[in-house]
């Protein structure tokens, strides 16, 4: 099971990324665990300077933009 982490302070872009990640995981029929990380100190531990960001199993895959569903599916595969 993959752990998908959304890093962001709760802005609209962060919420949209979370929504897109959930859709992509569902469309791929993947068993995943979601974690929303909103605390700035925790986000900084990932080395992320721009949010929203997506990390998979603790590794940052994208930062500073809202990935669309297809982009997320490519990363997950």
PDB file of N, CA and C in Angstrom:
ATOM      1  N   UNK A   1       0.845  -1.176   0.000  1.00  0.00           N
ATOM      2  CA  UNK A   1       0.000   0.000   0.000  1.00  0.00           C
ATOM      3  C   UNK A   1       0.893   1.241   0.000  1.00  0.00           C
ATOM      4  N   UNK A   2       0.590   2.159  -0.903  1.00  0.00           N
ATOM      5  CA  UNK A   2       1.350   3.404  -0.976  1.00  0.00           C
ATOM      6  C   UNK A   2       0.767   4.435  -0.019  1.00  0.00           C
ATOM      7  N   UNK A   3       1.662   5.268   0.503  1.00  0.00           N
ATOM      8  CA  UNK A   3       1.245   6.370   1.366  1.00  0.00           C
ATOM      9  C   UNK A   3       1.366   7.650   0.558  1.00  0.00           C
ATOM     10  N   UNK A   4       0.227   8.290   0.289  1.00  0.00           N
ATOM     11  CA  UNK A   4       0.197   9.524  -0.479  1.00  0.00           C
ATOM     12  C   UNK A   4       0.040  10.694   0.481  1.00  0.00           C
ATOM     13  N   UNK A   5       1.003  11.605   0.422  1.00  0.00           N
ATOM     14  CA  UNK A   5       1.021  12.740   1.342  1.00  0.00           C
ATOM     15  C   UNK A   5       0.834  14.033   0.560  1.00  0.00           C
ATOM     16  N   UNK A   6      -0.160  14.804   0.978  1.00  0.00           N
ATOM     17  CA  UNK A   6      -0.420  16.115   0.397  1.00  0.00           C
ATOM     18  C   UNK A   6       0.148  17.141   1.360  1.00  0.00           C
ATOM     19  N   UNK A   7       1.081  17.946   0.881  1.00  0.00           N
ATOM     20  CA  UNK A   7       1.712  18.952   1.717  1.00  0.00           C
ATOM     21  C   UNK A   7       1.188  20.322   1.327  1.00  0.00           C
ATOM     22  N   UNK A   8       0.606  21.018   2.280  1.00  0.00           N
ATOM     23  CA  UNK A   8       0.065  22.346   2.020  1.00  0.00           C
ATOM     24  C   UNK A   8      -0.684  22.861   3.222  1.00  0.00           C
ATOM     25  N   UNK A   9      -0.880  24.151   3.250  1.00  0.00           N
ATOM     26  CA  UNK A   9      -1.463  24.802   4.416  1.00  0.00           C
ATOM     27  C   UNK A   9      -2.988  24.817   4.419  1.00  0.00           C
ATOM     28  N   UNK A  10      -3.596  24.216   3.427  1.00  0.00           N
ATOM     29  CA  UNK A  10      -5.052  24.158   3.403  1.00  0.00           C
ATOM     30  C   UNK A  10      -5.695  25.116   2.424  1.00  0.00           C
ATOM     31  N   UNK A  11      -4.896  25.686   1.522  1.00  0.00           N
ATOM     32  CA  UNK A  11      -5.422  26.625   0.528  1.00  0.00           C
ATOM     33  C   UNK A  11      -6.244  25.871  -0.527  1.00  0.00           C
ATOM     34  N   UNK A  12      -6.879  26.608  -1.403  1.00  0.00           N
ATOM     35  CA  UNK A  12      -7.709  25.997  -2.443  1.00  0.00           C
ATOM     36  C   UNK A  12      -6.893  25.073  -3.345  1.00  0.00           C
ATOM     37  N   UNK A  13      -5.668  25.475  -3.681  1.00  0.00           N
ATOM     38  CA  UNK A  13      -4.829  24.630  -4.529  1.00  0.00           C
ATOM     39  C   UNK A  13      -4.505  23.316  -3.837  1.00  0.00           C
ATOM     40  N   UNK A  14      -4.269  23.372  -2.547  1.00  0.00           N
ATOM     41  CA  UNK A  14      -3.975  22.152  -1.781  1.00  0.00           C
ATOM     42  C   UNK A  14      -5.191  21.222  -1.777  1.00  0.00           C
ATOM     43  N   UNK A  15      -6.355  21.792  -1.601  1.00  0.00           N
ATOM     44  CA  UNK A  15      -7.585  20.998  -1.595  1.00  0.00           C
ATOM     45  C   UNK A  15      -7.828  20.367  -2.957  1.00  0.00           C
ATOM     46  N   UNK A  16      -7.544  21.117  -4.034  1.00  0.00           N
ATOM     47  CA  UNK A  16      -7.732  20.596  -5.387  1.00  0.00           C
ATOM     48  C   UNK A  16      -6.764  19.458  -5.660  1.00  0.00           C
ATOM     49  N   UNK A  17      -5.511  19.589  -5.209  1.00  0.00           N
ATOM     50  CA  UNK A  17      -4.543  18.509  -5.388  1.00  0.00           C
ATOM     51  C   UNK A  17      -5.009  17.257  -4.658  1.00  0.00           C
ATOM     52  N   UNK A  18      -5.492  17.407  -3.449  1.00  0.00           N
ATOM     53  CA  UNK A  18      -5.997  16.269  -2.682  1.00  0.00           C
ATOM     54  C   UNK A  18      -7.148  15.596  -3.428  1.00  0.00           C
ATOM     55  N   UNK A  19      -8.053  16.391  -3.944  1.00  0.00           N
ATOM     56  CA  UNK A  19      -9.185  15.855  -4.702  1.00  0.00           C
ATOM     57  C   UNK A  19      -8.688  15.077  -5.920  1.00  0.00           C
ATOM     58  N   UNK A  20      -7.734  15.644  -6.668  1.00  0.00           N
ATOM     59  CA  UNK A  20      -7.211  14.982  -7.863  1.00  0.00           C
ATOM     60  C   UNK A  20      -6.474  13.687  -7.515  1.00  0.00           C
ATOM     61  N   UNK A  21      -5.743  13.688  -6.420  1.00  0.00           N
ATOM     62  CA  UNK A  21      -5.033  12.484  -5.979  1.00  0.00           C
ATOM     63  C   UNK A  21      -6.029  11.379  -5.631  1.00  0.00           C
ATOM     64  N   UNK A  22      -7.093  11.742  -4.944  1.00  0.00           N
ATOM     65  CA  UNK A  22      -8.110  10.753  -4.578  1.00  0.00           C
ATOM     66  C   UNK A  22      -8.774  10.168  -5.822  1.00  0.00           C
ATOM     67  N   UNK A  23      -9.066  11.009  -6.797  1.00  0.00           N
ATOM     68  CA  UNK A  23      -9.688  10.543  -8.045  1.00  0.00           C
ATOM     69  C   UNK A  23      -8.735   9.599  -8.778  1.00  0.00           C
ATOM     70  N   UNK A  24      -7.464   9.993  -8.895  1.00  0.00           N
ATOM     71  CA  UNK A  24      -6.483   9.164  -9.604  1.00  0.00           C
ATOM     72  C   UNK A  24      -6.324   7.801  -8.947  1.00  0.00           C
ATOM     73  N   UNK A  25      -6.222   7.773  -7.639  1.00  0.00           N
ATOM     74  CA  UNK A  25      -6.070   6.506  -6.923  1.00  0.00           C
ATOM     75  C   UNK A  25      -7.296   5.620  -7.134  1.00  0.00           C
ATOM     76  N   UNK A  26      -8.469   6.232  -7.118  1.00  0.00           N
ATOM     77  CA  UNK A  26      -9.708   5.465  -7.309  1.00  0.00           C
ATOM     78  C   UNK A  26      -9.777   4.909  -8.730  1.00  0.00           C
ATOM     79  N   UNK A  27      -9.420   5.743  -9.713  1.00  0.00           N
ATOM     80  CA  UNK A  27      -9.467   5.292 -11.103  1.00  0.00           C
ATOM     81  C   UNK A  27      -8.465   4.168 -11.366  1.00  0.00           C
ATOM     82  N   UNK A  28      -7.346   4.175 -10.656  1.00  0.00           N
ATOM     83  CA  UNK A  28      -6.347   3.120 -10.799  1.00  0.00           C
ATOM     84  C   UNK A  28      -6.656   1.915  -9.910  1.00  0.00           C
ATOM     85  N   UNK A  29      -7.710   2.045  -9.115  1.00  0.00           N
ATOM     86  CA  UNK A  29      -8.124   0.990  -8.184  1.00  0.00           C
ATOM     87  C   UNK A  29      -6.954   0.586  -7.277  1.00  0.00           C
ATOM     88  N   UNK A  30      -6.270   1.611  -6.753  1.00  0.00           N
ATOM     89  CA  UNK A  30      -5.120   1.389  -5.877  1.00  0.00           C
ATOM     90  C   UNK A  30      -5.530   1.472  -4.420  1.00  0.00           C
ATOM     91  N   UNK A  31      -4.910   0.622  -3.629  1.00  0.00           N
ATOM     92  CA  UNK A  31      -5.097   0.684  -2.196  1.00  0.00           C
ATOM     93  C   UNK A  31      -4.035   1.641  -1.661  1.00  0.00           C
ATOM     94  N   UNK A  32      -4.474   2.791  -1.146  1.00  0.00           N
ATOM     95  CA  UNK A  32      -3.536   3.812  -0.689  1.00  0.00           C
ATOM     96  C   UNK A  32      -3.963   4.362   0.666  1.00  0.00           C
ATOM     97  N   UNK A  33      -3.007   4.975   1.315  1.00  0.00           N
ATOM     98  CA  UNK A  33      -3.271   5.684   2.575  1.00  0.00           C
ATOM     99  C   UNK A  33      -2.991   7.158   2.303  1.00  0.00           C
ATOM    100  N   UNK A  34      -3.933   8.022   2.696  1.00  0.00           N
ATOM    101  CA  UNK A  34      -3.772   9.464   2.496  1.00  0.00           C
ATOM    102  C   UNK A  34      -3.333  10.125   3.793  1.00  0.00           C
ATOM    103  N   UNK A  35      -2.449  11.104   3.650  1.00  0.00           N
ATOM    104  CA  UNK A  35      -2.048  11.915   4.791  1.00  0.00           C
ATOM    105  C   UNK A  35      -1.963  13.364   4.337  1.00  0.00           C
ATOM    106  N   UNK A  36      -2.618  14.239   5.066  1.00  0.00           N
ATOM    107  CA  UNK A  36      -2.578  15.680   4.788  1.00  0.00           C
ATOM    108  C   UNK A  36      -1.630  16.303   5.796  1.00  0.00           C
ATOM    109  N   UNK A  37      -0.595  16.965   5.296  1.00  0.00           N
ATOM    110  CA  UNK A  37       0.382  17.601   6.172  1.00  0.00           C
ATOM    111  C   UNK A  37       0.266  19.111   6.000  1.00  0.00           C
ATOM    112  N   UNK A  38      -0.171  19.786   7.061  1.00  0.00           N
ATOM    113  CA  UNK A  38      -0.424  21.226   6.985  1.00  0.00           C
ATOM    114  C   UNK A  38       0.541  22.058   7.826  1.00  0.00           C
ATOM    115  N   UNK A  39       1.285  21.435   8.735  1.00  0.00           N
ATOM    116  CA  UNK A  39       2.192  22.168   9.609  1.00  0.00           C
ATOM    117  C   UNK A  39       3.450  22.544   8.814  1.00  0.00           C
ATOM    118  N   UNK A  40       3.793  23.846   8.847  1.00  0.00           N
ATOM    119  CA  UNK A  40       4.925  24.334   8.065  1.00  0.00           C
ATOM    120  C   UNK A  40       6.237  23.641   8.414  1.00  0.00           C
ATOM    121  N   UNK A  41       6.455  23.359   9.692  1.00  0.00           N
ATOM    122  CA  UNK A  41       7.711  22.704  10.066  1.00  0.00           C
ATOM    123  C   UNK A  41       7.807  21.302   9.464  1.00  0.00           C
ATOM    124  N   UNK A  42       6.685  20.608   9.401  1.00  0.00           N
ATOM    125  CA  UNK A  42       6.665  19.263   8.807  1.00  0.00           C
ATOM    126  C   UNK A  42       6.880  19.345   7.289  1.00  0.00           C
ATOM    127  N   UNK A  43       6.258  20.350   6.658  1.00  0.00           N
ATOM    128  CA  UNK A  43       6.425  20.546   5.211  1.00  0.00           C
ATOM    129  C   UNK A  43       7.892  20.835   4.901  1.00  0.00           C
ATOM    130  N   UNK A  44       8.523  21.664   5.722  1.00  0.00           N
ATOM    131  CA  UNK A  44       9.926  22.018   5.523  1.00  0.00           C
ATOM    132  C   UNK A  44      10.842  20.807   5.669  1.00  0.00           C
ATOM    133  N   UNK A  45      10.456  19.843   6.493  1.00  0.00           N
ATOM    134  CA  UNK A  45      11.254  18.619   6.658  1.00  0.00           C
ATOM    135  C   UNK A  45      11.375  17.847   5.342  1.00  0.00           C
ATOM    136  N   UNK A  46      10.409  18.033   4.457  1.00  0.00           N
ATOM    137  CA  UNK A  46      10.447  17.395   3.140  1.00  0.00           C
ATOM    138  C   UNK A  46      11.316  18.188   2.161  1.00  0.00           C
ATOM    139  N   UNK A  47      11.743  19.384   2.561  1.00  0.00           N
ATOM    140  CA  UNK A  47      12.524  20.239   1.672  1.00  0.00           C
ATOM    141  C   UNK A  47      11.660  21.002   0.684  1.00  0.00           C
ATOM    142  N   UNK A  48      10.367  21.072   0.956  1.00  0.00           N
ATOM    143  CA  UNK A  48       9.426  21.740   0.060  1.00  0.00           C
ATOM    144  C   UNK A  48       9.360  23.230   0.394  1.00  0.00           C
ATOM    145  N   UNK A  49       9.561  24.056  -0.633  1.00  0.00           N
ATOM    146  CA  UNK A  49       9.498  25.502  -0.456  1.00  0.00           C
ATOM    147  C   UNK A  49       8.214  26.094  -1.033  1.00  0.00           C
ATOM    148  N   UNK A  50       7.576  25.359  -1.957  1.00  0.00           N
ATOM    149  CA  UNK A  50       6.340  25.836  -2.577  1.00  0.00           C
ATOM    150  C   UNK A  50       5.279  24.755  -2.467  1.00  0.00           C
ATOM    151  N   UNK A  51       4.101  25.159  -2.036  1.00  0.00           N
ATOM    152  CA  UNK A  51       2.989  24.220  -1.939  1.00  0.00           C
ATOM    153  C   UNK A  51       1.969  24.565  -3.015  1.00  0.00           C
ATOM    154  N   UNK A  52       1.098  23.633  -3.348  1.00  0.00           N
ATOM    155  CA  UNK A  52       0.971  22.302  -2.781  1.00  0.00           C
ATOM    156  C   UNK A  52       2.059  21.370  -3.294  1.00  0.00           C
ATOM    157  N   UNK A  53       2.251  20.290  -2.575  1.00  0.00           N
ATOM    158  CA  UNK A  53       3.221  19.279  -2.983  1.00  0.00           C
ATOM    159  C   UNK A  53       2.638  17.891  -2.757  1.00  0.00           C
ATOM    160  N   UNK A  54       3.137  16.951  -3.524  1.00  0.00           N
ATOM    161  CA  UNK A  54       2.718  15.559  -3.409  1.00  0.00           C
ATOM    162  C   UNK A  54       3.941  14.710  -3.119  1.00  0.00           C
ATOM    163  N   UNK A  55       3.856  13.935  -2.058  1.00  0.00           N
ATOM    164  CA  UNK A  55       4.910  12.974  -1.732  1.00  0.00           C
ATOM    165  C   UNK A  55       4.294  11.583  -1.717  1.00  0.00           C
ATOM    166  N   UNK A  56       5.070  10.628  -2.194  1.00  0.00           N
ATOM    167  CA  UNK A  56       4.632   9.240  -2.189  1.00  0.00           C
ATOM    168  C   UNK A  56       5.649   8.451  -1.375  1.00  0.00           C
ATOM    169  N   UNK A  57       5.161   7.820  -0.329  1.00  0.00           N
ATOM    170  CA  UNK A  57       6.026   7.068   0.589  1.00  0.00           C
ATOM    171  C   UNK A  57       7.202   7.921   1.071  1.00  0.00           C
ATOM    172  N   UNK A  58       6.924   9.196   1.344  1.00  0.00           N
ATOM    173  CA  UNK A  58       7.923  10.088   1.906  1.00  0.00           C
ATOM    174  C   UNK A  58       8.831  10.771   0.903  1.00  0.00           C
ATOM    175  N   UNK A  59       8.673  10.480  -0.385  1.00  0.00           N
ATOM    176  CA  UNK A  59       9.508  11.083  -1.429  1.00  0.00           C
ATOM    177  C   UNK A  59       8.684  12.087  -2.227  1.00  0.00           C
ATOM    178  N   UNK A  60       9.138  13.339  -2.268  1.00  0.00           N
ATOM    179  CA  UNK A  60       8.413  14.397  -2.974  1.00  0.00           C
ATOM    180  C   UNK A  60       8.478  14.134  -4.476  1.00  0.00           C
ATOM    181  N   UNK A  61       7.302  14.104  -5.096  1.00  0.00           N
ATOM    182  CA  UNK A  61       7.198  13.854  -6.532  1.00  0.00           C
ATOM    183  C   UNK A  61       6.868  15.119  -7.315  1.00  0.00           C
ATOM    184  N   UNK A  62       6.225  16.091  -6.657  1.00  0.00           N
ATOM    185  CA  UNK A  62       5.873  17.346  -7.321  1.00  0.00           C
ATOM    186  C   UNK A  62       5.641  18.406  -6.258  1.00  0.00           C
ATOM    187  N   UNK A  63       6.015  19.639  -6.596  1.00  0.00           N
ATOM    188  CA  UNK A  63       5.811  20.749  -5.655  1.00  0.00           C
ATOM    189  C   UNK A  63       5.541  22.031  -6.428  1.00  0.00           C
ATOM    190  N   UNK A  64       4.699  22.873  -5.838  1.00  0.00           N
ATOM    191  CA  UNK A  64       4.448  24.189  -6.399  1.00  0.00           C
ATOM    192  C   UNK A  64       3.382  24.257  -7.463  1.00  0.00           C
ATOM    193  N   UNK A  65       2.680  23.137  -7.706  1.00  0.00           N
ATOM    194  CA  UNK A  65       1.605  23.178  -8.701  1.00  0.00           C
ATOM    195  C   UNK A  65       0.563  22.109  -8.396  1.00  0.00           C
ATOM    196  N   UNK A  66      -0.603  22.317  -8.968  1.00  0.00           N
ATOM    197  CA  UNK A  66      -1.686  21.350  -8.824  1.00  0.00           C
ATOM    198  C   UNK A  66      -1.612  20.402 -10.016  1.00  0.00           C
ATOM    199  N   UNK A  67      -1.251  19.174  -9.749  1.00  0.00           N
ATOM    200  CA  UNK A  67      -1.211  18.170 -10.809  1.00  0.00           C
ATOM    201  C   UNK A  67      -2.625  17.767 -11.187  1.00  0.00           C
ATOM    202  N   UNK A  68      -2.844  17.508 -12.476  1.00  0.00           N
ATOM    203  CA  UNK A  68      -4.160  17.013 -12.866  1.00  0.00           C
ATOM    204  C   UNK A  68      -4.201  15.498 -12.657  1.00  0.00           C
ATOM    205  N   UNK A  69      -5.359  14.920 -12.829  1.00  0.00           N
ATOM    206  CA  UNK A  69      -5.563  13.494 -12.544  1.00  0.00           C
ATOM    207  C   UNK A  69      -4.635  12.626 -13.395  1.00  0.00           C
ATOM    208  N   UNK A  70      -4.493  12.946 -14.667  1.00  0.00           N
ATOM    209  CA  UNK A  70      -3.649  12.138 -15.553  1.00  0.00           C
ATOM    210  C   UNK A  70      -2.179  12.205 -15.144  1.00  0.00           C
ATOM    211  N   UNK A  71      -1.697  13.376 -14.750  1.00  0.00           N
ATOM    212  CA  UNK A  71      -0.313  13.506 -14.287  1.00  0.00           C
ATOM    213  C   UNK A  71      -0.077  12.658 -13.042  1.00  0.00           C
ATOM    214  N   UNK A  72      -1.038  12.654 -12.159  1.00  0.00           N
ATOM    215  CA  UNK A  72      -0.917  11.879 -10.915  1.00  0.00           C
ATOM    216  C   UNK A  72      -0.911  10.379 -11.232  1.00  0.00           C
ATOM    217  N   UNK A  73      -1.764   9.969 -12.155  1.00  0.00           N
ATOM    218  CA  UNK A  73      -1.815   8.555 -12.521  1.00  0.00           C
ATOM    219  C   UNK A  73      -0.489   8.085 -13.084  1.00  0.00           C
ATOM    220  N   UNK A  74       0.184   8.931 -13.875  1.00  0.00           N
ATOM    221  CA  UNK A  74       1.490   8.572 -14.427  1.00  0.00           C
ATOM    222  C   UNK A  74       2.515   8.398 -13.301  1.00  0.00           C
ATOM    223  N   UNK A  75       2.469   9.271 -12.308  1.00  0.00           N
ATOM    224  CA  UNK A  75       3.397   9.180 -11.182  1.00  0.00           C
ATOM    225  C   UNK A  75       3.133   7.914 -10.369  1.00  0.00           C
ATOM    226  N   UNK A  76       1.877   7.569 -10.184  1.00  0.00           N
ATOM    227  CA  UNK A  76       1.516   6.419  -9.374  1.00  0.00           C
ATOM    228  C   UNK A  76       1.855   5.083 -10.057  1.00  0.00           C
ATOM    229  N   UNK A  77       1.929   5.095 -11.373  1.00  0.00           N
ATOM    230  CA  UNK A  77       2.222   3.841 -12.088  1.00  0.00           C
ATOM    231  C   UNK A  77       3.663   3.591 -12.174  1.00  0.00           C
TER     232      UNK A  77
END
